[in-house]
């Protein structure tokens, strides 16, 4: 149910993109991408990963203690983020290569980080209570609301430069509201617990901030830092082109790869239990993924320069050029991401941290080389594609080696 909701929401985003690209400029999309990237890096880790422990306690009361502790941390750190933005506003705008006079959207980042942190708490509570319909409904409600608000603000030219951001914040609020319907999370209940309760529960699950938190930072930075780095070297409009290319090329992974990954995870786990390894289902799934990747991404690579200006408007021609190069990398990512659960099946989760650190290092290195040698955005895309594709190919080989080991 949840995966179908995620797929449907992704489909909505793709289908509505041709309208949004005619209502909002590449600069607006670029600012939106930077806003999302900063918010995601902070917001996905703002609870210090205590929310991931909500599934574990036998006592329901302890689960809610973790939920309220997470929300206290979320609120406190969101205030810290706001304070830092107030103090260093000009410096942050300069680092991001955006105009300080029009960068008031930075003050909305703490609002987004709080919504994201709260969403993570509510998702884990609903997951514990097996409220899968609420989780799926939240994803659909969030993206449907975001789309509606962004369209309305775009059509009526109201807050045009921030219409995408306002739509995202309203979506967060609606999504969280749906998730709260079937859980007993009341803000006034937070004050019913004593400080000692939170100290005890934090001590009991201290490994989450110690280990899951740094892994989460690495993962979030890997997924989101590219947009922030691009704007510091090139321009906000190029972030807009890059983000649109990523949105379209990433859709097949959300619609197809995730579903295949879930089936593979289940079958690989069964094979591992019965035979000691999961190499048979690994090879079978790998072949299917390669066929799909070639079928989807090769045509995109060949046709993107023609399709992007036709579908999204002439203003987005550069996004099509970027997509031509990025398609190759997304083909390898499509295969690698679906097979990455092999590390869970074979109990090699520590490699996930190493992989995220490698990807983060590649992102930073490519931007550094682009800055050092004054590469064009197209040259950056080519270098980024080559290095990331090689990395994903190595990861696939690692998954293969882990899958064939008998336990």
Protein backbone atom coordinates (compact mmCIF):
# COMPACT_ATOMS: atom_id res chain seq x y z
CA UNK A 1 0.00 0.00 0.00
CA UNK A 2 2.76 2.44 0.94
CA UNK A 3 4.83 1.71 -2.15
CA UNK A 4 1.78 2.22 -4.39
CA UNK A 5 1.14 5.56 -2.69
CA UNK A 6 4.74 6.60 -3.23
CA UNK A 7 4.61 5.55 -6.89
CA UNK A 8 1.33 7.43 -7.46
CA UNK A 9 2.69 10.57 -5.82
CA UNK A 10 5.83 10.41 -7.98
CA UNK A 11 3.66 10.01 -11.07
CA UNK A 12 1.70 13.13 -10.09
CA UNK A 13 4.93 15.13 -9.81
CA UNK A 14 6.13 13.99 -13.24
CA UNK A 15 2.81 14.60 -14.99
CA UNK A 16 2.44 18.10 -13.54
CA UNK A 17 6.03 19.16 -14.32
CA UNK A 18 5.31 20.41 -17.89
CA UNK A 19 2.79 22.89 -16.46
CA UNK A 20 5.02 24.01 -13.58
CA UNK A 21 7.97 24.61 -15.90
CA UNK A 22 5.82 27.05 -17.86
CA UNK A 23 4.70 28.86 -14.71
CA UNK A 24 8.05 29.05 -12.91
CA UNK A 25 11.48 30.00 -14.22
CA UNK A 26 14.66 27.89 -13.96
CA UNK A 27 15.80 30.32 -11.22
CA UNK A 28 12.64 29.58 -9.21
CA UNK A 29 13.18 25.83 -9.62
CA UNK A 30 16.82 26.32 -8.63
CA UNK A 31 15.93 28.15 -5.43
CA UNK A 32 13.32 25.48 -4.68
CA UNK A 33 15.91 22.71 -5.17
CA UNK A 34 18.39 24.45 -2.85
CA UNK A 35 15.65 24.96 -0.25
CA UNK A 36 14.68 21.26 -0.41
CA UNK A 37 18.31 20.13 -0.21
CA UNK A 38 19.16 22.21 2.87
CA UNK A 39 15.89 21.26 4.59
CA UNK A 40 16.35 17.56 3.83
CA UNK A 41 19.92 17.36 5.14
CA UNK A 42 18.94 19.02 8.42
CA UNK A 43 15.34 17.84 8.80
CA UNK A 44 15.96 14.14 8.18
CA UNK A 45 18.49 14.08 11.03
CA UNK A 46 17.15 16.74 13.39
CA UNK A 47 15.74 14.15 15.84
CA UNK A 48 19.22 12.59 16.20
CA UNK A 49 17.58 9.43 14.78
CA UNK A 50 15.72 8.62 18.02
CA UNK A 51 12.56 8.30 15.92
CA UNK A 52 14.01 5.15 14.33
CA UNK A 53 13.86 3.46 17.75
CA UNK A 54 10.07 3.97 18.08
CA UNK A 55 9.45 0.50 16.58
CA UNK A 56 11.56 -1.29 19.21
CA UNK A 57 10.07 -0.94 22.75
CA UNK A 58 7.64 -3.60 23.95
CA UNK A 59 5.90 -1.00 26.11
CA UNK A 60 3.73 1.42 24.11
CA UNK A 61 4.45 4.13 26.67
CA UNK A 62 8.17 3.91 25.91
CA UNK A 63 7.45 4.27 22.21
CA UNK A 64 5.60 7.52 22.89
CA UNK A 65 8.43 8.73 25.13
CA UNK A 66 10.76 8.31 22.16
CA UNK A 67 8.27 10.15 19.95
CA UNK A 68 8.01 13.11 22.32
CA UNK A 69 11.75 13.17 22.95
CA UNK A 70 12.30 13.30 19.19
CA UNK A 71 9.85 16.15 18.85
CA UNK A 72 11.49 18.12 21.68
CA UNK A 73 14.83 17.77 19.90
CA UNK A 74 13.18 18.67 16.61
CA UNK A 75 11.67 21.88 17.97
CA UNK A 76 14.85 22.89 19.82
CA UNK A 77 17.20 22.34 16.90
CA UNK A 78 14.79 24.07 14.49
CA UNK A 79 15.01 27.15 16.71
CA UNK A 80 18.81 26.89 16.61
CA UNK A 81 18.68 26.74 12.80
CA UNK A 82 16.49 29.87 12.76
CA UNK A 83 18.92 31.67 15.07
CA UNK A 84 21.91 30.75 12.89
CA UNK A 85 20.10 32.01 9.78
CA UNK A 86 19.29 35.30 11.50
CA UNK A 87 22.91 35.77 12.59
CA UNK A 88 24.65 34.58 9.40
CA UNK A 89 21.98 35.42 6.82
CA UNK A 90 24.27 37.45 4.56
CA UNK A 91 27.10 34.93 4.71
CA UNK A 92 24.78 32.01 3.92
CA UNK A 93 23.30 33.87 0.93
CA UNK A 94 26.80 34.62 -0.37
CA UNK A 95 27.93 31.00 0.00
CA UNK A 96 24.85 29.85 -1.90
CA UNK A 97 25.50 32.44 -4.60
CA UNK A 98 21.98 33.90 -4.23
CA UNK A 99 20.90 37.53 -3.90
CA UNK A 100 20.55 38.48 -0.18
CA UNK A 101 17.79 40.96 -1.12
CA UNK A 102 15.54 38.19 -2.43
CA UNK A 103 16.65 35.29 -0.24
CA UNK A 104 14.03 35.72 2.49
CA UNK A 105 13.05 32.11 1.75
CA UNK A 106 16.00 31.09 3.94
CA UNK A 107 13.87 31.96 6.98
CA UNK A 108 11.41 29.25 5.90
CA UNK A 109 14.09 26.53 6.18
CA UNK A 110 13.55 26.02 9.97
CA UNK A 111 9.81 25.59 9.33
CA UNK A 112 10.57 22.89 6.76
CA UNK A 113 13.09 21.15 9.01
CA UNK A 114 10.53 20.97 11.81
CA UNK A 115 7.85 19.57 9.49
CA UNK A 116 10.27 16.93 8.14
CA UNK A 117 11.42 15.92 11.63
CA UNK A 118 7.82 15.69 12.85
CA UNK A 119 6.88 13.66 9.76
CA UNK A 120 9.61 11.12 10.56
CA UNK A 121 8.22 10.75 14.09
CA UNK A 122 4.65 10.27 12.86
CA UNK A 123 5.67 7.81 10.13
CA UNK A 124 7.43 5.58 12.67
CA UNK A 125 4.49 5.78 15.08
CA UNK A 126 2.06 4.81 12.32
CA UNK A 127 4.39 2.03 11.18
CA UNK A 128 4.50 0.65 14.74
CA UNK A 129 0.70 0.70 14.86
CA UNK A 130 0.46 -0.79 11.33
CA UNK A 131 -1.49 2.20 10.01
CA UNK A 132 -0.28 1.60 6.47
CA UNK A 133 -3.29 3.30 4.88
CA UNK A 134 -2.50 6.48 6.79
CA UNK A 135 1.11 6.35 5.65
CA UNK A 136 0.14 5.86 2.01
CA UNK A 137 -2.62 8.46 2.26
CA UNK A 138 -0.19 10.97 3.74
CA UNK A 139 2.21 10.64 0.81
CA UNK A 140 -0.60 11.09 -1.72
CA UNK A 141 -2.19 14.00 0.21
CA UNK A 142 1.18 15.71 0.54
CA UNK A 143 2.06 15.64 -3.15
CA UNK A 144 -1.49 16.38 -4.33
CA UNK A 145 -1.68 19.41 -2.00
CA UNK A 146 1.76 20.62 -3.02
CA UNK A 147 0.84 20.39 -6.69
CA UNK A 148 -2.45 22.25 -6.22
CA UNK A 149 -0.90 25.12 -4.22
CA UNK A 150 2.07 25.48 -6.56
CA UNK A 151 -0.27 25.61 -9.58
CA UNK A 152 -2.57 28.18 -7.98
CA UNK A 153 0.29 30.45 -6.91
CA UNK A 154 1.86 30.08 -10.35
CA UNK A 155 -1.31 30.82 -12.32
CA UNK A 156 -2.19 33.87 -10.25
CA UNK A 157 1.42 35.10 -10.15
CA UNK A 158 1.15 35.39 -6.37
CA UNK A 159 4.45 35.06 -4.51
CA UNK A 160 5.80 33.71 -7.78
CA UNK A 161 9.41 33.50 -6.67
CA UNK A 162 8.42 31.44 -3.60
CA UNK A 163 5.30 29.67 -4.88
CA UNK A 164 7.10 26.33 -5.12
CA UNK A 165 8.39 26.65 -1.55
CA UNK A 166 5.03 27.74 -0.10
CA UNK A 167 3.38 24.78 -1.81
CA UNK A 168 5.93 22.42 -0.26
CA UNK A 169 5.35 23.78 3.26
CA UNK A 170 1.56 23.50 2.95
CA UNK A 171 2.06 19.93 1.70
CA UNK A 172 4.19 19.06 4.73
CA UNK A 173 1.46 20.39 7.03
CA UNK A 174 -1.31 18.41 5.27
CA UNK A 175 0.76 15.22 5.16
CA UNK A 176 1.50 15.43 8.88
CA UNK A 177 -2.16 16.11 9.63
CA UNK A 178 -3.17 12.85 7.90
CA UNK A 179 -0.54 10.93 9.88
CA UNK A 180 -1.79 12.37 13.20
CA UNK A 181 -5.34 11.13 12.68
CA UNK A 182 -4.64 7.56 13.87
CA UNK A 183 -2.01 8.10 16.56
CA UNK A 184 -2.39 9.44 20.07
CA UNK A 185 0.15 12.24 19.61
CA UNK A 186 -1.04 15.32 21.52
CA UNK A 187 1.32 18.18 22.23
CA UNK A 188 -0.12 18.74 25.71
CA UNK A 189 0.67 15.09 26.52
CA UNK A 190 4.38 15.88 26.11
CA UNK A 191 4.32 17.65 29.47
CA UNK A 192 2.97 14.54 31.21
CA UNK A 193 6.40 12.92 31.12
CA UNK A 194 9.17 13.80 33.55
CA UNK A 195 12.70 14.78 32.55
CA UNK A 196 13.95 11.51 34.06
CA UNK A 197 11.71 9.57 31.65
CA UNK A 198 13.44 11.17 28.68
CA UNK A 199 16.91 10.71 30.20
CA UNK A 200 16.26 7.00 30.77
CA UNK A 201 14.85 6.38 27.29
CA UNK A 202 17.65 8.38 25.64
CA UNK A 203 20.26 6.36 27.55
CA UNK A 204 18.59 3.08 26.60
CA UNK A 205 18.67 3.92 22.88
CA UNK A 206 21.89 5.95 22.84
CA UNK A 207 23.29 3.95 19.90
CA UNK A 208 20.90 5.69 17.51
CA UNK A 209 22.47 9.16 17.88
CA UNK A 210 25.91 7.52 18.09
CA UNK A 211 25.71 5.43 14.93
CA UNK A 212 22.48 6.02 12.97
CA UNK A 213 22.84 9.81 13.17
CA UNK A 214 26.25 10.08 11.43
CA UNK A 215 25.11 7.51 8.85
CA UNK A 216 21.97 9.56 8.29
CA UNK A 217 23.98 12.75 7.83
CA UNK A 218 26.20 11.01 5.27
CA UNK A 219 23.18 9.62 3.42
CA UNK A 220 21.26 12.91 3.37
CA UNK A 221 24.33 14.86 2.30
CA UNK A 222 25.04 12.36 -0.48
CA UNK A 223 21.51 12.71 -1.85
CA UNK A 224 21.20 16.49 -1.50
CA UNK A 225 24.56 18.23 -1.44
CA UNK A 226 25.00 18.37 -5.23
CA UNK A 227 22.39 21.13 -5.64
CA UNK A 228 24.05 23.22 -2.93
CA UNK A 229 27.51 22.75 -4.45
CA UNK A 230 26.34 23.52 -8.00
CA UNK A 231 24.93 26.91 -7.02
CA UNK A 232 28.18 27.86 -5.27
CA UNK A 233 30.16 27.20 -8.48
CA UNK A 234 27.69 27.95 -11.28
CA UNK A 235 24.29 29.64 -10.83
CA UNK A 236 20.81 29.12 -9.42
CA UNK A 237 19.35 28.60 -12.91
CA UNK A 238 21.72 25.66 -13.50
CA UNK A 239 20.48 24.13 -10.26
CA UNK A 240 16.98 24.44 -11.75
CA UNK A 241 18.06 22.61 -14.93
CA UNK A 242 19.88 19.95 -12.92
CA UNK A 243 16.95 19.43 -10.52
CA UNK A 244 14.42 19.01 -13.36
CA UNK A 245 16.66 16.46 -15.07
CA UNK A 246 16.96 14.61 -11.76
CA UNK A 247 13.19 14.72 -11.14
CA UNK A 248 12.38 13.18 -14.52
CA UNK A 249 15.22 10.65 -14.60
CA UNK A 250 14.57 9.64 -10.99
CA UNK A 251 10.92 8.79 -11.68
CA UNK A 252 11.61 5.27 -13.08
CA UNK A 253 13.42 4.37 -9.85
CA UNK A 254 10.44 5.49 -7.77
CA UNK A 255 7.90 3.82 -10.04
CA UNK A 256 9.71 0.58 -10.93
CA UNK A 257 12.99 0.02 -9.09
CA UNK A 258 11.53 0.31 -5.57
CA UNK A 259 8.86 -2.31 -6.31
CA UNK A 260 11.43 -4.71 -7.74
CA UNK A 261 13.66 -4.08 -4.74
CA UNK A 262 10.88 -5.00 -2.29
CA UNK A 263 10.15 -8.29 -4.10
CA UNK A 264 13.87 -9.05 -4.36
CA UNK A 265 14.37 -8.33 -0.63
CA UNK A 266 11.69 -10.86 0.32
CA UNK A 267 12.86 -13.57 -2.11
CA UNK A 268 16.54 -13.04 -1.32
CA UNK A 269 15.85 -13.38 2.38
CA UNK A 270 13.98 -16.66 1.81
CA UNK A 271 16.77 -18.01 -0.39
CA UNK A 272 19.37 -16.98 2.18
CA UNK A 273 17.50 -18.88 4.91
CA UNK A 274 17.02 -22.01 2.78
CA UNK A 275 20.33 -22.15 0.88
CA UNK A 276 22.75 -20.03 2.89
CA UNK A 277 23.21 -17.50 0.05
CA UNK A 278 21.00 -15.46 -2.28
CA UNK A 279 23.09 -15.53 -5.45
CA UNK A 280 20.45 -17.22 -7.65
CA UNK A 281 17.78 -14.57 -7.10
CA UNK A 282 20.49 -11.88 -7.25
CA UNK A 283 21.55 -12.92 -10.79
CA UNK A 284 17.94 -13.26 -11.94
CA UNK A 285 17.00 -9.81 -10.59
CA UNK A 286 20.19 -8.26 -11.98
CA UNK A 287 19.32 -9.45 -15.51
CA UNK A 288 15.79 -8.02 -15.27
CA UNK A 289 17.08 -4.69 -13.96
CA UNK A 290 19.71 -4.38 -16.70
CA UNK A 291 17.10 -5.04 -19.41
CA UNK A 292 14.78 -2.44 -17.89
CA UNK A 293 17.59 0.09 -17.44
CA UNK A 294 18.68 -0.23 -21.07
CA UNK A 295 15.06 -0.04 -22.27
CA UNK A 296 14.27 3.10 -20.27
CA UNK A 297 17.45 5.15 -20.04
CA UNK A 298 19.09 4.62 -23.44
CA UNK A 299 16.09 6.15 -25.27
CA UNK A 300 16.10 9.01 -22.73
CA UNK A 301 19.78 9.63 -23.40
CA UNK A 302 19.20 9.72 -27.17
CA UNK A 303 16.02 11.82 -27.14
CA UNK A 304 16.27 14.09 -24.08
CA UNK A 305 17.65 17.08 -25.99
CA UNK A 306 14.57 16.98 -28.24
CA UNK A 307 12.00 15.97 -25.61
CA UNK A 308 12.82 18.43 -22.82
CA UNK A 309 12.23 21.70 -24.75
CA UNK A 310 9.14 20.18 -26.41
CA UNK A 311 7.57 18.94 -23.16
CA UNK A 312 8.76 21.53 -20.66
CA UNK A 313 9.28 24.61 -22.86
CA UNK A 314 12.20 26.08 -24.81
CA UNK A 315 13.57 27.65 -21.63
CA UNK A 316 14.49 24.15 -20.42
CA UNK A 317 16.67 23.08 -23.35
CA UNK A 318 19.79 22.98 -21.13
CA UNK A 319 18.02 20.53 -18.80
CA UNK A 320 17.67 18.17 -21.76
CA UNK A 321 21.38 18.40 -22.49
CA UNK A 322 22.19 17.61 -18.87
CA UNK A 323 19.71 14.72 -18.93
CA UNK A 324 21.53 13.23 -21.93
CA UNK A 325 24.65 12.74 -19.82
CA UNK A 326 22.91 11.97 -16.53
CA UNK A 327 20.79 9.21 -18.12
CA UNK A 328 23.80 6.87 -18.16
CA UNK A 329 24.47 7.44 -14.47
CA UNK A 330 20.78 6.95 -13.61
CA UNK A 331 20.81 3.61 -15.45
CA UNK A 332 23.55 2.34 -13.14
CA UNK A 333 21.82 3.89 -10.10
CA UNK A 334 18.54 2.21 -11.11
CA UNK A 335 20.20 -1.21 -10.92
CA UNK A 336 22.35 -0.51 -7.88
CA UNK A 337 19.62 0.99 -5.69
CA UNK A 338 17.31 -1.98 -6.23
CA UNK A 339 20.06 -4.46 -5.28
CA UNK A 340 21.37 -2.45 -2.32
CA UNK A 341 19.08 -4.36 0.08
CA UNK A 342 21.49 -7.28 -0.42
CA UNK A 343 23.51 -5.71 2.39
CA UNK A 344 20.53 -6.07 4.73
CA UNK A 345 19.89 -9.68 3.68
CA UNK A 346 23.54 -10.61 4.25
CA UNK A 347 23.78 -8.50 7.43
CA UNK A 348 26.46 -6.18 6.06
CA UNK A 349 24.73 -2.91 6.93
CA UNK A 350 28.01 -1.20 7.84
CA UNK A 351 28.86 -1.10 4.12
CA UNK A 352 25.92 1.27 3.63
CA UNK A 353 27.80 3.92 5.59
CA UNK A 354 30.96 3.35 3.53
CA UNK A 355 28.99 3.60 0.29
CA UNK A 356 27.37 6.87 1.33
CA UNK A 357 30.74 8.31 2.34
CA UNK A 358 32.22 7.31 -1.04
CA UNK A 359 29.34 8.95 -2.93
CA UNK A 360 29.65 12.08 -0.80
CA UNK A 361 33.39 12.24 -1.48
CA UNK A 362 32.76 11.88 -5.22
CA UNK A 363 30.21 14.71 -5.19
CA UNK A 364 32.60 17.05 -3.41
CA UNK A 365 35.59 16.01 -5.54
CA UNK A 366 33.78 16.55 -8.85
CA UNK A 367 32.65 20.02 -7.79
CA UNK A 368 36.17 20.77 -6.55
CA UNK A 369 37.69 19.72 -9.88
CA UNK A 370 35.08 21.75 -11.76
CA UNK A 371 35.99 24.83 -9.74
CA UNK A 372 39.74 24.21 -10.04
CA UNK A 373 39.74 23.70 -13.82
CA UNK A 374 36.85 26.12 -14.50
CA UNK A 375 34.76 23.45 -16.20
CA UNK A 376 31.47 24.33 -17.88
CA UNK A 377 28.24 22.90 -16.49
CA UNK A 378 28.13 20.38 -19.35
CA UNK A 379 31.71 19.28 -18.59
CA UNK A 380 30.71 18.94 -14.93
CA UNK A 381 27.73 16.76 -15.90
CA UNK A 382 29.98 14.52 -18.03
CA UNK A 383 32.57 14.12 -15.25
CA UNK A 384 29.82 13.57 -12.66
CA UNK A 385 28.20 10.92 -14.87
CA UNK A 386 31.44 8.99 -15.44
CA UNK A 387 32.60 8.95 -11.81
CA UNK A 388 29.19 8.14 -10.33
CA UNK A 389 28.53 5.42 -12.93
CA UNK A 390 31.84 3.73 -12.08
CA UNK A 391 31.00 3.97 -8.37
CA UNK A 392 27.58 2.34 -8.86
CA UNK A 393 29.19 -0.39 -10.98
CA UNK A 394 31.61 -1.13 -8.14
CA UNK A 395 28.70 -1.21 -5.66
CA UNK A 396 26.85 -3.74 -7.84
CA UNK A 397 29.96 -5.93 -7.82
CA UNK A 398 30.15 -5.65 -4.00
CA UNK A 399 26.49 -6.71 -3.72
CA UNK A 400 27.26 -9.67 -6.01
CA UNK A 401 30.19 -10.77 -3.85
CA UNK A 402 28.10 -10.49 -0.66
CA UNK A 403 25.17 -12.36 -2.26
CA UNK A 404 27.24 -15.43 -3.18
CA UNK A 405 28.87 -15.87 0.26
CA UNK A 406 27.36 -18.83 2.10
CA UNK A 407 26.65 -18.54 5.79
